[in-house]
PDB file of N, CA and C in Angstrom:
ATOM      1  N   MET A   1      36.858-183.438 299.347  1.00  0.00           N
ATOM      2  CA  MET A   1      36.133-183.000 298.275  1.00  0.00           C
ATOM      3  C   MET A   1      34.923-182.647 299.171  1.00  0.00           C
ATOM      4  N   ASN A   2      33.621-182.095 298.354  1.00  0.00           N
ATOM      5  CA  ASN A   2      32.907-181.748 299.369  1.00  0.00           C
ATOM      6  C   ASN A   2      31.658-182.753 298.787  1.00  0.00           C
ATOM      7  N   PRO A   3      30.705-182.821 299.439  1.00  0.00           N
ATOM      8  CA  PRO A   3      29.548-183.941 299.099  1.00  0.00           C
ATOM      9  C   PRO A   3      28.937-183.540 297.872  1.00  0.00           C
ATOM     10  N   ARG A   4      28.194-184.563 297.067  1.00  0.00           N
ATOM     11  CA  ARG A   4      27.625-184.440 295.739  1.00  0.00           C
ATOM     12  C   ARG A   4      26.145-184.127 296.189  1.00  0.00           C
ATOM     13  N   VAL A   5      25.381-183.911 295.169  1.00  0.00           N
ATOM     14  CA  VAL A   5      23.918-183.541 294.857  1.00  0.00           C
ATOM     15  C   VAL A   5      23.105-184.646 295.003  1.00  0.00           C
ATOM     16  N   THR A   6      21.874-185.084 295.411  1.00  0.00           N
ATOM     17  CA  THR A   6      21.461-186.528 295.067  1.00  0.00           C
ATOM     18  C   THR A   6      20.124-186.437 294.939  1.00  0.00           C
ATOM     19  N   LYS A   7      19.584-185.032 295.501  1.00  0.00           N
ATOM     20  CA  LYS A   7      18.372-184.819 295.247  1.00  0.00           C
ATOM     21  C   LYS A   7      18.345-183.166 294.924  1.00  0.00           C
ATOM     22  N   VAL A   8      17.068-183.061 293.914  1.00  0.00           N
ATOM     23  CA  VAL A   8      17.213-181.289 293.735  1.00  0.00           C
ATOM     24  C   VAL A   8      15.409-180.679 293.712  1.00  0.00           C
ATOM     25  N   THR A   9      14.998-179.926 294.125  1.00  0.00           N
ATOM     26  CA  THR A   9      13.965-179.493 293.864  1.00  0.00           C
ATOM     27  C   THR A   9      13.912-178.054 293.748  1.00  0.00           C
ATOM     28  N   PRO A  10      13.191-177.625 292.172  1.00  0.00           N
ATOM     29  CA  PRO A  10      13.260-176.106 291.783  1.00  0.00           C
ATOM     30  C   PRO A  10      11.940-175.610 292.953  1.00  0.00           C
ATOM     31  N   GLU A  11      12.317-174.168 293.109  1.00  0.00           N
ATOM     32  CA  GLU A  11      11.408-173.172 293.827  1.00  0.00           C
ATOM     33  C   GLU A  11      11.316-172.178 292.890  1.00  0.00           C
ATOM     34  N   GLY A  12      10.298-171.797 293.593  1.00  0.00           N
ATOM     35  CA  GLY A  12       9.342-170.672 292.593  1.00  0.00           C
ATOM     36  C   GLY A  12      10.329-168.813 292.556  1.00  0.00           C
ATOM     37  N   ASN A  13      11.155-168.950 293.398  1.00  0.00           N
ATOM     38  CA  ASN A  13      12.003-167.702 293.588  1.00  0.00           C
ATOM     39  C   ASN A  13      13.623-167.859 292.738  1.00  0.00           C
ATOM     40  N   TYR A  14      13.475-168.628 292.061  1.00  0.00           N
ATOM     41  CA  TYR A  14      14.760-169.367 291.484  1.00  0.00           C
ATOM     42  C   TYR A  14      16.046-169.604 292.471  1.00  0.00           C
ATOM     43  N   CYS A  15      15.399-170.472 293.334  1.00  0.00           N
ATOM     44  CA  CYS A  15      16.586-170.853 294.436  1.00  0.00           C
ATOM     45  C   CYS A  15      15.865-172.733 294.052  1.00  0.00           C
ATOM     46  N   LEU A  16      17.157-173.608 294.413  1.00  0.00           N
ATOM     47  CA  LEU A  16      17.255-175.107 294.431  1.00  0.00           C
ATOM     48  C   LEU A  16      17.249-175.561 295.945  1.00  0.00           C
ATOM     49  N   LEU A  17      16.039-176.134 296.172  1.00  0.00           N
ATOM     50  CA  LEU A  17      16.592-177.018 297.445  1.00  0.00           C
ATOM     51  C   LEU A  17      17.462-178.142 297.075  1.00  0.00           C
ATOM     52  N   LEU A  18      18.761-178.433 298.044  1.00  0.00           N
ATOM     53  CA  LEU A  18      19.423-179.615 297.391  1.00  0.00           C
ATOM     54  C   LEU A  18      19.655-180.477 298.570  1.00  0.00           C
ATOM     55  N   GLU A  19      19.832-181.752 297.974  1.00  0.00           N
ATOM     56  CA  GLU A  19      20.115-182.792 299.116  1.00  0.00           C
ATOM     57  C   GLU A  19      21.605-183.197 299.009  1.00  0.00           C
ATOM     58  N   PHE A  20      22.378-183.677 300.176  1.00  0.00           N
ATOM     59  CA  PHE A  20      23.690-184.037 299.414  1.00  0.00           C
ATOM     60  C   PHE A  20      23.969-185.385 300.342  1.00  0.00           C
ATOM     61  N   THR A  21      24.963-185.980 299.826  1.00  0.00           N
ATOM     62  CA  THR A  21      25.580-187.021 300.395  1.00  0.00           C
ATOM     63  C   THR A  21      25.545-187.287 301.522  1.00  0.00           C
ATOM     64  N   ASN A  22      26.000-186.232 302.148  1.00  0.00           N
ATOM     65  CA  ASN A  22      26.258-186.116 303.238  1.00  0.00           C
ATOM     66  C   ASN A  22      25.210-185.828 304.346  1.00  0.00           C
ATOM     67  N   GLY A  23      23.860-185.822 303.257  1.00  0.00           N
ATOM     68  CA  GLY A  23      22.450-185.657 304.558  1.00  0.00           C
ATOM     69  C   GLY A  23      22.186-184.241 304.606  1.00  0.00           C
ATOM     70  N   GLU A  24      23.119-183.326 304.104  1.00  0.00           N
ATOM     71  CA  GLU A  24      22.502-181.854 304.528  1.00  0.00           C
ATOM     72  C   GLU A  24      21.609-181.419 303.496  1.00  0.00           C
ATOM     73  N   ARG A  25      20.777-180.836 303.947  1.00  0.00           N
ATOM     74  CA  ARG A  25      19.886-179.938 303.016  1.00  0.00           C
ATOM     75  C   ARG A  25      19.855-178.329 302.985  1.00  0.00           C
ATOM     76  N   ARG A  26      20.120-178.141 301.703  1.00  0.00           N
ATOM     77  CA  ARG A  26      20.751-176.614 301.771  1.00  0.00           C
ATOM     78  C   ARG A  26      19.908-176.126 300.504  1.00  0.00           C
ATOM     79  N   GLU A  27      19.962-174.705 300.214  1.00  0.00           N
ATOM     80  CA  GLU A  27      19.195-173.854 299.297  1.00  0.00           C
ATOM     81  C   GLU A  27      20.378-172.972 298.882  1.00  0.00           C
ATOM     82  N   PHE A  28      20.198-173.225 297.196  1.00  0.00           N
ATOM     83  CA  PHE A  28      21.169-172.472 296.575  1.00  0.00           C
ATOM     84  C   PHE A  28      20.629-171.661 295.560  1.00  0.00           C
ATOM     85  N   ASP A  29      20.989-170.229 295.843  1.00  0.00           N
ATOM     86  CA  ASP A  29      20.019-169.072 294.909  1.00  0.00           C
ATOM     87  C   ASP A  29      20.735-168.806 293.692  1.00  0.00           C
ATOM     88  N   VAL A  30      19.806-169.661 292.300  1.00  0.00           N
ATOM     89  CA  VAL A  30      20.285-169.209 291.062  1.00  0.00           C
ATOM     90  C   VAL A  30      20.289-167.465 290.483  1.00  0.00           C
ATOM     91  N   SER A  31      19.468-166.974 291.140  1.00  0.00           N
ATOM     92  CA  SER A  31      19.341-165.370 290.335  1.00  0.00           C
ATOM     93  C   SER A  31      20.728-164.818 290.422  1.00  0.00           C
ATOM     94  N   PRO A  32      21.629-164.669 291.102  1.00  0.00           N
ATOM     95  CA  PRO A  32      22.706-163.918 290.611  1.00  0.00           C
ATOM     96  C   PRO A  32      23.305-164.285 289.300  1.00  0.00           C
ATOM     97  N   TYR A  33      22.902-165.511 289.166  1.00  0.00           N
ATOM     98  CA  TYR A  33      23.395-165.913 287.753  1.00  0.00           C
ATOM     99  C   TYR A  33      22.780-165.788 286.361  1.00  0.00           C
ATOM    100  N   LEU A  34      21.192-165.286 286.770  1.00  0.00           N
ATOM    101  CA  LEU A  34      20.385-165.394 285.398  1.00  0.00           C
ATOM    102  C   LEU A  34      20.947-164.094 284.622  1.00  0.00           C
ATOM    103  N   ASP A  35      21.791-163.442 284.816  1.00  0.00           N
ATOM    104  CA  ASP A  35      21.941-162.342 283.812  1.00  0.00           C
ATOM    105  C   ASP A  35      23.232-162.941 283.007  1.00  0.00           C
ATOM    106  N   LYS A  36      23.905-164.246 282.882  1.00  0.00           N
ATOM    107  CA  LYS A  36      24.821-164.294 282.791  1.00  0.00           C
ATOM    108  C   LYS A  36      25.128-165.411 281.594  1.00  0.00           C
ATOM    109  N   GLY A  37      25.663-165.253 280.845  1.00  0.00           N
ATOM    110  CA  GLY A  37      25.605-166.309 279.725  1.00  0.00           C
ATOM    111  C   GLY A  37      24.542-167.241 279.466  1.00  0.00           C
ATOM    112  N   ILE A  38      24.738-168.255 279.005  1.00  0.00           N
ATOM    113  CA  ILE A  38      23.663-169.507 279.209  1.00  0.00           C
ATOM    114  C   ILE A  38      22.755-169.488 280.263  1.00  0.00           C
ATOM    115  N   PHE A  39      23.072-168.564 281.279  1.00  0.00           N
ATOM    116  CA  PHE A  39      22.014-168.920 282.282  1.00  0.00           C
ATOM    117  C   PHE A  39      20.671-167.912 282.192  1.00  0.00           C
ATOM    118  N   THR A  40      21.015-167.039 281.221  1.00  0.00           N
ATOM    119  CA  THR A  40      19.862-166.309 280.708  1.00  0.00           C
ATOM    120  C   THR A  40      18.646-167.157 280.479  1.00  0.00           C
ATOM    121  N   GLN A  41      18.281-168.222 280.235  1.00  0.00           N
ATOM    122  CA  GLN A  41      17.121-168.970 279.471  1.00  0.00           C
ATOM    123  C   GLN A  41      16.705-169.553 280.915  1.00  0.00           C
ATOM    124  N   LEU A  42      17.210-169.468 282.204  1.00  0.00           N
ATOM    125  CA  LEU A  42      16.816-170.318 283.366  1.00  0.00           C
ATOM    126  C   LEU A  42      15.878-169.258 283.953  1.00  0.00           C
ATOM    127  N   LYS A  43      16.107-167.699 283.517  1.00  0.00           N
ATOM    128  CA  LYS A  43      14.718-166.880 283.758  1.00  0.00           C
ATOM    129  C   LYS A  43      13.504-167.543 283.263  1.00  0.00           C
ATOM    130  N   ASP A  44      13.089-168.216 282.846  1.00  0.00           N
ATOM    131  CA  ASP A  44      12.148-168.869 281.930  1.00  0.00           C
ATOM    132  C   ASP A  44      11.586-169.845 282.789  1.00  0.00           C
ATOM    133  N   LYS A  45      10.536-169.638 283.656  1.00  0.00           N
ATOM    134  CA  LYS A  45      10.303-170.232 284.795  1.00  0.00           C
ATOM    135  C   LYS A  45       9.864-171.619 284.316  1.00  0.00           C
ATOM    136  N   SER A  46       9.289-172.036 283.734  1.00  0.00           N
ATOM    137  CA  SER A  46       9.084-173.099 283.697  1.00  0.00           C
ATOM    138  C   SER A  46      10.091-174.261 282.674  1.00  0.00           C
ATOM    139  N   TYR A  47      11.224-173.672 282.506  1.00  0.00           N
ATOM    140  CA  TYR A  47      12.497-174.048 281.918  1.00  0.00           C
ATOM    141  C   TYR A  47      13.463-174.693 283.179  1.00  0.00           C
ATOM    142  N   PHE A  48      12.929-173.355 283.900  1.00  0.00           N
ATOM    143  CA  PHE A  48      13.918-173.534 285.780  1.00  0.00           C
ATOM    144  C   PHE A  48      13.537-174.996 285.906  1.00  0.00           C
ATOM    145  N   GLN A  49      12.329-175.050 286.149  1.00  0.00           N
ATOM    146  CA  GLN A  49      11.610-176.201 286.888  1.00  0.00           C
ATOM    147  C   GLN A  49      12.057-177.335 286.382  1.00  0.00           C
ATOM    148  N   GLN A  50      13.222-177.472 285.128  1.00  0.00           N
ATOM    149  CA  GLN A  50      13.421-178.726 284.165  1.00  0.00           C
ATOM    150  C   GLN A  50      14.573-179.110 285.050  1.00  0.00           C
ATOM    151  N   VAL A  51      15.045-178.571 286.189  1.00  0.00           N
ATOM    152  CA  VAL A  51      16.403-179.185 286.361  1.00  0.00           C
ATOM    153  C   VAL A  51      16.487-180.714 286.754  1.00  0.00           C
ATOM    154  N   ARG A  52      17.227-180.973 287.238  1.00  0.00           N
ATOM    155  CA  ARG A  52      17.691-182.838 287.529  1.00  0.00           C
ATOM    156  C   ARG A  52      19.289-183.131 287.913  1.00  0.00           C
ATOM    157  N   VAL A  53      19.088-183.885 288.717  1.00  0.00           N
ATOM    158  CA  VAL A  53      19.936-184.437 289.373  1.00  0.00           C
ATOM    159  C   VAL A  53      21.004-185.530 288.010  1.00  0.00           C
ATOM    160  N   SER A  54      22.186-184.972 287.983  1.00  0.00           N
ATOM    161  CA  SER A  54      23.288-185.506 286.867  1.00  0.00           C
ATOM    162  C   SER A  54      24.561-185.420 287.784  1.00  0.00           C
ATOM    163  N   MET A  55      25.101-186.644 287.571  1.00  0.00           N
ATOM    164  CA  MET A  55      26.146-187.427 288.272  1.00  0.00           C
ATOM    165  C   MET A  55      27.040-186.319 289.238  1.00  0.00           C
ATOM    166  N   GLY A  56      25.848-186.100 290.404  1.00  0.00           N
ATOM    167  CA  GLY A  56      26.367-185.514 291.850  1.00  0.00           C
ATOM    168  C   GLY A  56      26.212-184.258 291.485  1.00  0.00           C
ATOM    169  N   THR A  57      26.048-183.341 290.762  1.00  0.00           N
ATOM    170  CA  THR A  57      25.512-182.060 290.606  1.00  0.00           C
ATOM    171  C   THR A  57      24.040-181.760 289.733  1.00  0.00           C
ATOM    172  N   VAL A  58      23.967-180.741 289.430  1.00  0.00           N
ATOM    173  CA  VAL A  58      22.235-180.374 288.818  1.00  0.00           C
ATOM    174  C   VAL A  58      22.774-179.805 287.085  1.00  0.00           C
ATOM    175  N   GLU A  59      21.563-180.079 286.668  1.00  0.00           N
ATOM    176  CA  GLU A  59      21.564-179.395 285.185  1.00  0.00           C
ATOM    177  C   GLU A  59      20.500-179.413 284.314  1.00  0.00           C
ATOM    178  N   TRP A  60      20.226-178.892 283.493  1.00  0.00           N
ATOM    179  CA  TRP A  60      19.290-178.590 282.704  1.00  0.00           C
ATOM    180  C   TRP A  60      19.231-178.778 281.181  1.00  0.00           C
ATOM    181  N   PRO A  61      18.063-178.998 280.487  1.00  0.00           N
ATOM    182  CA  PRO A  61      18.224-180.077 279.215  1.00  0.00           C
ATOM    183  C   PRO A  61      18.887-179.419 278.424  1.00  0.00           C
ATOM    184  N   LYS A  62      19.519-177.990 278.315  1.00  0.00           N
ATOM    185  CA  LYS A  62      20.379-177.370 277.306  1.00  0.00           C
ATOM    186  C   LYS A  62      21.912-177.683 278.037  1.00  0.00           C
ATOM    187  N   GLY A  63      21.878-178.064 279.071  1.00  0.00           N
ATOM    188  CA  GLY A  63      23.425-177.883 278.945  1.00  0.00           C
ATOM    189  C   GLY A  63      23.980-176.840 280.456  1.00  0.00           C
ATOM    190  N   GLN A  64      22.867-176.311 280.721  1.00  0.00           N
ATOM    191  CA  GLN A  64      23.425-175.706 281.979  1.00  0.00           C
ATOM    192  C   GLN A  64      23.581-176.266 282.875  1.00  0.00           C
ATOM    193  N   ASP A  65      24.981-176.117 283.766  1.00  0.00           N
ATOM    194  CA  ASP A  65      25.058-176.725 285.150  1.00  0.00           C
ATOM    195  C   ASP A  65      26.052-176.276 285.739  1.00  0.00           C
ATOM    196  N   PHE A  66      26.060-176.415 287.296  1.00  0.00           N
ATOM    197  CA  PHE A  66      27.156-175.884 288.234  1.00  0.00           C
ATOM    198  C   PHE A  66      27.916-176.718 288.655  1.00  0.00           C
ATOM    199  N   CYS A  67      29.288-176.577 289.141  1.00  0.00           N
ATOM    200  CA  CYS A  67      29.912-177.174 289.648  1.00  0.00           C
ATOM    201  C   CYS A  67      29.432-177.581 291.092  1.00  0.00           C
ATOM    202  N   PRO A  68      29.336-178.959 291.796  1.00  0.00           N
ATOM    203  CA  PRO A  68      28.737-179.371 292.667  1.00  0.00           C
ATOM    204  C   PRO A  68      29.945-178.747 293.999  1.00  0.00           C
ATOM    205  N   ASP A  69      31.045-178.351 293.674  1.00  0.00           N
ATOM    206  CA  ASP A  69      31.581-177.656 294.679  1.00  0.00           C
ATOM    207  C   ASP A  69      31.141-176.156 295.254  1.00  0.00           C
ATOM    208  N   THR A  70      30.615-175.245 294.069  1.00  0.00           N
ATOM    209  CA  THR A  70      30.053-174.223 294.001  1.00  0.00           C
ATOM    210  C   THR A  70      28.598-174.637 294.964  1.00  0.00           C
ATOM    211  N   LEU A  71      27.859-175.452 294.314  1.00  0.00           N
ATOM    212  CA  LEU A  71      27.023-175.395 295.148  1.00  0.00           C
ATOM    213  C   LEU A  71      26.546-175.553 296.332  1.00  0.00           C
ATOM    214  N   PHE A  72      27.680-176.414 296.917  1.00  0.00           N
ATOM    215  CA  PHE A  72      27.714-176.829 298.565  1.00  0.00           C
ATOM    216  C   PHE A  72      28.217-175.554 299.164  1.00  0.00           C
ATOM    217  N   GLU A  73      29.195-174.930 298.293  1.00  0.00           N
ATOM    218  CA  GLU A  73      30.108-173.838 299.046  1.00  0.00           C
ATOM    219  C   GLU A  73      29.215-172.691 299.199  1.00  0.00           C
ATOM    220  N   GLU A  74      28.387-172.744 298.272  1.00  0.00           N
ATOM    221  CA  GLU A  74      27.644-170.912 298.032  1.00  0.00           C
ATOM    222  C   GLU A  74      26.461-171.388 298.528  1.00  0.00           C
ATOM    223  N   SER A  75      25.805-172.452 299.118  1.00  0.00           N
ATOM    224  CA  SER A  75      24.242-172.418 299.605  1.00  0.00           C
ATOM    225  C   SER A  75      24.220-172.478 301.181  1.00  0.00           C
ATOM    226  N   ARG A  76      22.992-172.236 301.468  1.00  0.00           N
ATOM    227  CA  ARG A  76      22.935-172.184 303.149  1.00  0.00           C
ATOM    228  C   ARG A  76      22.157-173.419 303.010  1.00  0.00           C
ATOM    229  N   VAL A  77      22.966-173.703 304.768  1.00  0.00           N
ATOM    230  CA  VAL A  77      22.053-175.128 305.195  1.00  0.00           C
ATOM    231  C   VAL A  77      20.717-174.076 305.406  1.00  0.00           C
ATOM    232  N   ILE A  78      19.702-175.233 305.496  1.00  0.00           N
ATOM    233  CA  ILE A  78      18.124-175.203 306.083  1.00  0.00           C
ATOM    234  C   ILE A  78      17.648-176.297 306.685  1.00  0.00           C
ATOM    235  N   ALA A  79      16.882-176.166 307.926  1.00  0.00           N
ATOM    236  CA  ALA A  79      16.804-176.987 308.466  1.00  0.00           C
ATOM    237  C   ALA A  79      15.666-178.486 308.299  1.00  0.00           C
TER     238      ALA A  79
END
């Protein structure tokens, strides 16, 4: 099982700066999802900024979320 998210910081370029339970810091690019289904609402930058940690993953007020495994496996490690 992959580590879970403990902290999220939205960035201006539709990326999320994530911290995981194993101490890693990673960046997840949300932009490939912005034209798909419920994720289109995330194009609104003020709404995108409302992301929060919930049960080891991230979510927005209207229910958009990502699998924590996707967040870990598709993100890149940052220093």
